[in-house]
C-alpha atoms as a PDB file:
ATOM      1  CA  MET A   1      35.863 -15.611 -11.315  1.00  0.00           C
ATOM      2  CA  ILE A   2      37.419 -12.632 -12.950  1.00  0.00           C
ATOM      3  CA  ARG A   3      39.275 -13.718 -16.243  1.00  0.00           C
ATOM      4  CA  ILE A   4      40.604 -10.315 -18.135  1.00  0.00           C
ATOM      5  CA  ARG A   5      44.018  -9.697 -17.278  1.00  0.00           C
ATOM      6  CA  GLU A   6      43.621  -6.535 -15.974  1.00  0.00           C
ATOM      7  CA  VAL A   7      41.197  -4.260 -14.803  1.00  0.00           C
ATOM      8  CA  ARG A   8      40.540  -1.056 -13.271  1.00  0.00           C
ATOM      9  CA  VAL A   9      40.515  -1.148  -9.449  1.00  0.00           C
ATOM     10  CA  ILE A  10      38.622   1.617  -7.243  1.00  0.00           C
ATOM     11  CA  ASP A  11      39.037   0.551  -3.504  1.00  0.00           C
ATOM     12  CA  ASP A  12      36.796   0.236  -0.718  1.00  0.00           C
ATOM     13  CA  GLU A  13      36.369   3.527  -0.040  1.00  0.00           C
ATOM     14  CA  GLY A  14      36.079   4.861  -3.483  1.00  0.00           C
ATOM     15  CA  GLN A  15      39.117   5.856  -4.281  1.00  0.00           C
ATOM     16  CA  GLN A  16      40.540   4.823  -8.060  1.00  0.00           C
ATOM     17  CA  LEU A  17      43.531   2.923  -8.172  1.00  0.00           C
ATOM     18  CA  GLY A  18      43.893   3.046 -11.888  1.00  0.00           C
ATOM     19  CA  VAL A  19      44.872   0.244 -13.583  1.00  0.00           C
ATOM     20  CA  MET A  20      46.507  -2.752 -12.698  1.00  0.00           C
ATOM     21  CA  ALA A  21      47.052  -6.862 -13.063  1.00  0.00           C
ATOM     22  CA  THR A  22      44.140  -9.010 -12.483  1.00  0.00           C
ATOM     23  CA  GLN A  23      46.348 -11.189  -9.606  1.00  0.00           C
ATOM     24  CA  ASP A  24      47.318  -7.891  -8.107  1.00  0.00           C
ATOM     25  CA  ALA A  25      43.857  -6.152  -7.389  1.00  0.00           C
ATOM     26  CA  LEU A  26      43.039  -9.970  -5.982  1.00  0.00           C
ATOM     27  CA  ALA A  27      45.640  -9.434  -3.534  1.00  0.00           C
ATOM     28  CA  LEU A  28      44.546  -6.735  -2.354  1.00  0.00           C
ATOM     29  CA  ALA A  29      41.313  -7.228  -1.808  1.00  0.00           C
ATOM     30  CA  GLN A  30      42.496 -10.410   0.195  1.00  0.00           C
ATOM     31  CA  GLU A  31      45.338  -7.965   2.876  1.00  0.00           C
ATOM     32  CA  LYS A  32      42.162  -5.847   3.232  1.00  0.00           C
ATOM     33  CA  GLY A  33      39.837  -9.597   4.038  1.00  0.00           C
ATOM     34  CA  LEU A  34      37.358  -8.083   1.206  1.00  0.00           C
ATOM     35  CA  ASP A  35      36.406  -9.005  -2.056  1.00  0.00           C
ATOM     36  CA  LEU A  36      37.140  -7.978  -5.851  1.00  0.00           C
ATOM     37  CA  VAL A  37      33.734  -7.844  -7.753  1.00  0.00           C
ATOM     38  CA  GLU A  38      33.218  -6.834 -11.446  1.00  0.00           C
ATOM     39  CA  VAL A  39      30.649  -4.060 -11.486  1.00  0.00           C
ATOM     40  CA  ALA A  40      31.214  -2.447 -15.445  1.00  0.00           C
ATOM     41  CA  PRO A  41      32.160  -5.692 -17.654  1.00  0.00           C
ATOM     42  CA  THR A  42      31.669  -3.804 -20.651  1.00  0.00           C
ATOM     43  CA  ALA A  43      34.126  -1.448 -19.926  1.00  0.00           C
ATOM     44  CA  VAL A  44      37.465  -1.293 -21.630  1.00  0.00           C
ATOM     45  CA  PRO A  45      39.024  -2.503 -19.558  1.00  0.00           C
ATOM     46  CA  PRO A  46      36.508  -4.095 -16.990  1.00  0.00           C
ATOM     47  CA  VAL A  47      35.853  -1.794 -13.399  1.00  0.00           C
ATOM     48  CA  CYS A  48      36.352  -3.876 -10.534  1.00  0.00           C
ATOM     49  CA  ARG A  49      35.399  -2.365  -7.272  1.00  0.00           C
ATOM     50  CA  ILE A  50      37.390  -3.801  -3.530  1.00  0.00           C
ATOM     51  CA  LEU A  51      34.381  -4.687  -1.194  1.00  0.00           C
ATOM     52  CA  ASP A  52      32.357  -6.788   1.263  1.00  0.00           C
ATOM     53  CA  PHE A  53      30.157  -9.161  -1.323  1.00  0.00           C
ATOM     54  CA  GLY A  54      27.713  -9.978   0.996  1.00  0.00           C
ATOM     55  CA  GLN A  55      26.756  -6.715   1.929  1.00  0.00           C
ATOM     56  CA  TYR A  56      26.890  -5.704  -1.909  1.00  0.00           C
ATOM     57  CA  LYS A  57      24.634  -8.209  -2.776  1.00  0.00           C
ATOM     58  CA  TYR A  58      22.542  -6.755   0.206  1.00  0.00           C
ATOM     59  CA  GLU A  59      22.253  -3.596  -0.922  1.00  0.00           C
ATOM     60  CA  ILE A  60      21.469  -4.508  -4.265  1.00  0.00           C
ATOM     61  CA  GLN A  61      18.541  -6.488  -3.009  1.00  0.00           C
ATOM     62  CA  LYS A  62      17.530  -3.458  -0.641  1.00  0.00           C
ATOM     63  CA  ARG A  63      17.931  -1.207  -3.547  1.00  0.00           C
ATOM     64  CA  GLU A  64      15.272  -3.666  -5.750  1.00  0.00           C
ATOM     65  CA  ARG A  65      12.729  -4.358  -2.875  1.00  0.00           C
ATOM     66  CA  GLU A  66      12.288  -0.591  -2.120  1.00  0.00           C
ATOM     67  CA  ALA A  67      11.849   0.064  -6.226  1.00  0.00           C
ATOM     68  CA  LYS A  68       9.285  -2.701  -6.053  1.00  0.00           C
ATOM     69  CA  LYS A  69       7.549  -1.228  -3.082  1.00  0.00           C
ATOM     70  CA  LYS A  70       7.706   2.207  -5.162  1.00  0.00           C
ATOM     71  CA  GLN A  71       5.877   1.017  -8.361  1.00  0.00           C
ATOM     72  CA  LYS A  72       3.129  -0.459  -6.290  1.00  0.00           C
ATOM     73  CA  SER A  73       2.661   2.534  -4.277  1.00  0.00           C
ATOM     74  CA  GLN A  74       1.698   4.015  -7.844  1.00  0.00           C
ATOM     75  CA  THR A  75      -0.759   1.784  -9.220  1.00  0.00           C
ATOM     76  CA  PHE A  76      -3.772  -0.033  -7.986  1.00  0.00           C
ATOM     77  CA  LYS A  77      -6.262  -3.241  -8.800  1.00  0.00           C
ATOM     78  CA  GLU A  78      -9.263  -3.123 -10.135  1.00  0.00           C
ATOM     79  CA  ILE A  79     -12.490  -4.794  -8.781  1.00  0.00           C
ATOM     80  CA  ARG A  80     -15.897  -3.655 -10.613  1.00  0.00           C
ATOM     81  CA  LEU A  81     -19.277  -4.108  -9.261  1.00  0.00           C
ATOM     82  CA  ARG A  82     -22.794  -3.934  -9.856  1.00  0.00           C
ATOM     83  CA  VAL A  83     -25.295  -2.612  -7.830  1.00  0.00           C
ATOM     84  CA  LYS A  84     -27.371  -5.950  -8.172  1.00  0.00           C
ATOM     85  CA  ILE A  85     -24.559  -8.268  -7.595  1.00  0.00           C
ATOM     86  CA  ASP A  86     -25.531 -11.532  -5.821  1.00  0.00           C
ATOM     87  CA  THR A  87     -24.089 -12.486  -2.658  1.00  0.00           C
ATOM     88  CA  ASN A  88     -21.922 -15.244  -3.743  1.00  0.00           C
ATOM     89  CA  ASP A  89     -20.081 -13.247  -6.678  1.00  0.00           C
ATOM     90  CA  LEU A  90     -19.619 -10.563  -4.124  1.00  0.00           C
ATOM     91  CA  ARG A  91     -18.251 -12.381  -1.767  1.00  0.00           C
ATOM     92  CA  THR A  92     -15.745 -13.910  -4.477  1.00  0.00           C
ATOM     93  CA  LYS A  93     -14.440 -10.172  -5.997  1.00  0.00           C
ATOM     94  CA  LEU A  94     -14.064  -9.152  -2.627  1.00  0.00           C
ATOM     95  CA  ARG A  95     -11.928 -12.204  -1.469  1.00  0.00           C
ATOM     96  CA  ARG A  96      -9.616 -11.154  -4.583  1.00  0.00           C
ATOM     97  CA  ALA A  97      -9.632  -7.563  -3.641  1.00  0.00           C
ATOM     98  CA  GLY A  98      -8.295  -8.444   0.062  1.00  0.00           C
ATOM     99  CA  GLU A  99      -5.561 -10.326  -1.667  1.00  0.00           C
ATOM    100  CA  PHE A 100      -4.348  -7.730  -3.434  1.00  0.00           C
ATOM    101  CA  LEU A 101      -4.092  -5.471  -0.486  1.00  0.00           C
ATOM    102  CA  ASP A 102      -2.602  -8.534   1.540  1.00  0.00           C
ATOM    103  CA  ASP A 103       0.379  -8.694  -1.608  1.00  0.00           C
ATOM    104  CA  GLY A 104       0.664  -4.360  -0.689  1.00  0.00           C
ATOM    105  CA  ASP A 105      -1.392  -3.447  -3.854  1.00  0.00           C
ATOM    106  CA  ARG A 106      -3.443  -0.659  -3.669  1.00  0.00           C
ATOM    107  CA  VAL A 107      -7.362  -1.867  -4.985  1.00  0.00           C
ATOM    108  CA  LYS A 108      -9.790   0.458  -5.941  1.00  0.00           C
ATOM    109  CA  VAL A 109     -13.324  -0.729  -6.211  1.00  0.00           C
ATOM    110  CA  THR A 110     -15.729   0.340  -8.779  1.00  0.00           C
ATOM    111  CA  VAL A 111     -19.572   0.256  -8.599  1.00  0.00           C
ATOM    112  CA  GLN A 112     -21.097   0.385 -12.459  1.00  0.00           C
ATOM    113  CA  PHE A 113     -24.215   1.916 -12.272  1.00  0.00           C
ATOM    114  CA  ARG A 114     -26.786   0.363 -15.600  1.00  0.00           C
ATOM    115  CA  GLY A 115     -29.963   2.697 -16.690  1.00  0.00           C
ATOM    116  CA  ARG A 116     -31.550   4.270 -14.225  1.00  0.00           C
ATOM    117  CA  GLU A 117     -30.061   2.844 -11.504  1.00  0.00           C
ATOM    118  CA  MET A 118     -27.959   6.977 -11.792  1.00  0.00           C
ATOM    119  CA  THR A 119     -30.794   8.147  -9.957  1.00  0.00           C
ATOM    120  CA  HIS A 120     -30.531   5.817  -6.949  1.00  0.00           C
ATOM    121  CA  ALA A 121     -26.448   6.739  -6.038  1.00  0.00           C
ATOM    122  CA  ASN A 122     -27.426   5.782  -2.482  1.00  0.00           C
ATOM    123  CA  LEU A 123     -27.660   1.836  -3.943  1.00  0.00           C
ATOM    124  CA  GLY A 124     -24.005   2.221  -5.359  1.00  0.00           C
ATOM    125  CA  ARG A 125     -23.248   3.866  -1.662  1.00  0.00           C
ATOM    126  CA  ASP A 126     -24.459   1.091   0.458  1.00  0.00           C
ATOM    127  CA  LEU A 127     -22.522  -1.095  -1.217  1.00  0.00           C
ATOM    128  CA  LEU A 128     -18.942   0.336  -1.163  1.00  0.00           C
ATOM    129  CA  ASP A 129     -20.138   0.716   2.791  1.00  0.00           C
ATOM    130  CA  LYS A 130     -20.661  -3.379   2.441  1.00  0.00           C
ATOM    131  CA  ALA A 131     -17.587  -3.611   0.447  1.00  0.00           C
ATOM    132  CA  ALA A 132     -15.650  -1.743   2.629  1.00  0.00           C
ATOM    133  CA  GLY A 133     -16.538  -3.582   5.876  1.00  0.00           C
ATOM    134  CA  MET A 134     -15.818  -6.460   4.386  1.00  0.00           C
ATOM    135  CA  LEU A 135     -12.344  -5.456   3.810  1.00  0.00           C
ATOM    136  CA  THR A 136     -11.761  -3.719   7.168  1.00  0.00           C
ATOM    137  CA  GLU A 137      -8.947  -6.566   8.048  1.00  0.00           C
ATOM    138  CA  HIS A 138      -6.974  -6.349   4.654  1.00  0.00           C
ATOM    139  CA  GLY A 139      -7.067  -2.071   4.174  1.00  0.00           C
ATOM    140  CA  THR A 140      -8.357   1.193   4.709  1.00  0.00           C
ATOM    141  CA  ILE A 141     -10.275   3.756   2.983  1.00  0.00           C
ATOM    142  CA  GLU A 142      -7.599   5.982   1.205  1.00  0.00           C
ATOM    143  CA  ARG A 143      -9.380   8.092  -1.306  1.00  0.00           C
ATOM    144  CA  PRO A 144     -12.501   9.151  -0.082  1.00  0.00           C
ATOM    145  CA  PRO A 145     -15.879   7.758  -2.540  1.00  0.00           C
ATOM    146  CA  LEU A 146     -16.295   9.816  -6.220  1.00  0.00           C
ATOM    147  CA  LEU A 147     -19.092   9.925  -8.371  1.00  0.00           C
ATOM    148  CA  GLU A 148     -17.300  10.100 -12.243  1.00  0.00           C
ATOM    149  CA  GLY A 149     -19.889   9.509 -14.639  1.00  0.00           C
ATOM    150  CA  ARG A 150     -21.958   6.188 -14.080  1.00  0.00           C
ATOM    151  CA  SER A 151     -19.840   4.841 -11.501  1.00  0.00           C
ATOM    152  CA  MET A 152     -18.514   5.734  -7.928  1.00  0.00           C
ATOM    153  CA  TYR A 153     -15.526   4.019  -6.368  1.00  0.00           C
ATOM    154  CA  ILE A 154     -13.067   4.436  -3.501  1.00  0.00           C
ATOM    155  CA  VAL A 155      -9.638   3.420  -3.396  1.00  0.00           C
ATOM    156  CA  MET A 156      -8.083   1.057  -0.811  1.00  0.00           C
ATOM    157  CA  ALA A 157      -4.801   0.861   0.789  1.00  0.00           C
ATOM    158  CA  PRO A 158      -2.932  -2.007   2.557  1.00  0.00           C
ATOM    159  CA  ILE A 159      -2.344  -1.675   6.211  1.00  0.00           C
ATOM    160  CA  ASP A 160       0.208  -1.345   7.771  1.00  0.00           C
ATOM    161  CA  LYS A 161       0.513  -3.786  10.414  1.00  0.00           C
ATOM    162  CA  ARG A 162       3.338  -2.215  12.598  1.00  0.00           C
ATOM    163  CA  ALA A 163       1.317   0.617  12.466  1.00  0.00           C
ATOM    164  CA  GLU A 164      -2.046  -1.288  13.649  1.00  0.00           C
ATOM    165  CA  ARG A 165       0.178  -3.184  16.790  1.00  0.00           C
ATOM    166  CA  LYS A 166       1.370   0.457  17.885  1.00  0.00           C
ATOM    167  CA  THR A 167      -2.791   1.919  17.453  1.00  0.00           C
ATOM    168  CA  GLU A 168      -4.026  -1.353  19.485  1.00  0.00           C
ATOM    169  CA  THR A 169      -0.843  -0.213  22.116  1.00  0.00           C
ATOM    170  CA  SER A 170      -1.834   2.757  22.550  1.00  0.00           C
ATOM    171  CA  GLU A 171      -5.745   1.973  22.369  1.00  0.00           C
ATOM    172  CA  GLY A 172      -4.753   0.206  25.097  1.00  0.00           C
ATOM    173  CA  GLU A 173      -3.326   2.708  27.029  1.00  0.00           C
ATOM    174  CA  ALA A 174      -5.716   5.522  26.108  1.00  0.00           C
ATOM    175  CA  ALA A 175      -8.032   7.458  28.914  1.00  0.00           C
ATOM    176  CA  ASN A 176     -11.530   6.919  29.184  1.00  0.00           C
ATOM    177  CA  GLY A 177     -13.807   8.837  27.212  1.00  0.00           C
ATOM    178  CA  GLN A 178     -14.720   9.761  23.573  1.00  0.00           C
ATOM    179  CA  PRO A 179     -11.419  10.129  21.071  1.00  0.00           C
ATOM    180  CA  GLU A 180     -10.838  12.981  19.661  1.00  0.00           C
ATOM    181  CA  GLY A 181     -11.598  13.248  16.371  1.00  0.00           C
ATOM    182  CA  GLN A 182     -14.668  10.750  16.604  1.00  0.00           C
ATOM    183  CA  ALA A 183     -17.084  10.131  13.849  1.00  0.00           C
ATOM    184  CA  ALA A 184     -20.594  11.636  14.797  1.00  0.00           C
ATOM    185  CA  ASN A 185     -21.971   8.492  13.943  1.00  0.00           C
ATOM    186  CA  GLY A 186     -20.506   6.993  17.371  1.00  0.00           C
ATOM    187  CA  THR A 187     -18.376   4.738  16.196  1.00  0.00           C
ATOM    188  CA  GLY A 188     -15.216   6.055  16.298  1.00  0.00           C
ATOM    189  CA  ARG A 189     -15.201   5.923  12.132  1.00  0.00           C
ATOM    190  CA  GLU A 190     -16.007   7.708   9.079  1.00  0.00           C
ATOM    191  CA  THR A 191     -18.636   5.547   6.883  1.00  0.00           C
ATOM    192  CA  ILE A 192     -18.312   5.903   3.271  1.00  0.00           C
ATOM    193  CA  GLY A 193     -22.036   7.672   3.196  1.00  0.00           C
ATOM    194  CA  ASP A 194     -20.742  10.268   5.780  1.00  0.00           C
ATOM    195  CA  ALA A 195     -18.071  10.678   3.463  1.00  0.00           C
ATOM    196  CA  LEU A 196     -20.338  11.275   0.668  1.00  0.00           C
ATOM    197  CA  VAL A 197     -22.689  13.798   2.458  1.00  0.00           C
ATOM    198  CA  ALA A 198     -19.907  16.154   3.430  1.00  0.00           C
ATOM    199  CA  ARG A 199     -18.829  16.227   0.289  1.00  0.00           C
ATOM    200  CA  GLY A 200     -22.274  17.124  -1.554  1.00  0.00           C
ATOM    201  CA  GLN A 201     -22.923  13.913  -3.222  1.00  0.00           C
ATOM    202  CA  LEU A 202     -25.432  12.574  -1.505  1.00  0.00           C
ATOM    203  CA  PRO A 203     -28.277  14.315   1.011  1.00  0.00           C
ATOM    204  CA  PRO A 204     -27.699  13.206   4.692  1.00  0.00           C
ATOM    205  CA  LYS A 205     -29.633  10.169   5.783  1.00  0.00           C
ATOM    206  CA  GLU A 206     -33.073  11.010   8.443  1.00  0.00           C
ATOM    207  CA  THR A 207     -32.151   9.911  12.011  1.00  0.00           C
ATOM    208  CA  ALA A 208     -35.492   8.608  14.211  1.00  0.00           C
ATOM    209  CA  GLU A 209     -35.349  10.464  17.583  1.00  0.00           C
ATOM    210  CA  ALA A 210     -35.104   7.619  20.290  1.00  0.00           C
ATOM    211  CA  PRO A 211     -38.811   7.715  21.750  1.00  0.00           C
ATOM    212  CA  GLN A 212     -39.136   9.422  25.477  1.00  0.00           C
ATOM    213  CA  PRO A 213     -39.968   7.525  28.238  1.00  0.00           C
ATOM    214  CA  PRO A 214     -43.750   9.070  29.777  1.00  0.00           C
ATOM    215  CA  ALA A 215     -43.221  11.429  32.861  1.00  0.00           C
ATOM    216  CA  GLU A 216     -43.965  10.407  36.302  1.00  0.00           C
ATOM    217  CA  HIS A 217     -47.278  11.756  37.778  1.00  0.00           C
END
């Protein structure tokens, strides 16, 4: 309830109506089927707008949600792993990472190397591969693997559920055959190992040739 006798009024079209008695401003708002809302209570006199209060409240909440979403997109949570982490600890940490992703946070998964572990960077790569695989229901790899000092990390982003549903629908209608851009490993997805090899941080893994059947005589 507005207790001040006089207020400065802006109508529903953004026009300045000047200073008027509060009762007159309320009557004008009622004539339009709208509300008189105090938008600058510390001004002298206070500033009020004639508007739909329900719509006004909705717009404020919408802006707050967008600001919160933007803030989340610029920061991320971090999960730190060791090369020799045991299975239970790994599951616990990745369960927490999944919760972060489900809440809309980006997650940095870092493998820290100790001592001579740095000479076996492939162990970190394999662990990140495993972690990313365990988080596929919660997020996707946003930033490729990177060796930085004595650690290797990836950044995962939350899954857009709407885009995921659209993709599933498109896949059901797609023609048979290998999709364009399919990874060379035949799975349709580029693994962390593939990305590291492409960046020249690790040598390519050797692949064994399939045995050929004996020739018929």
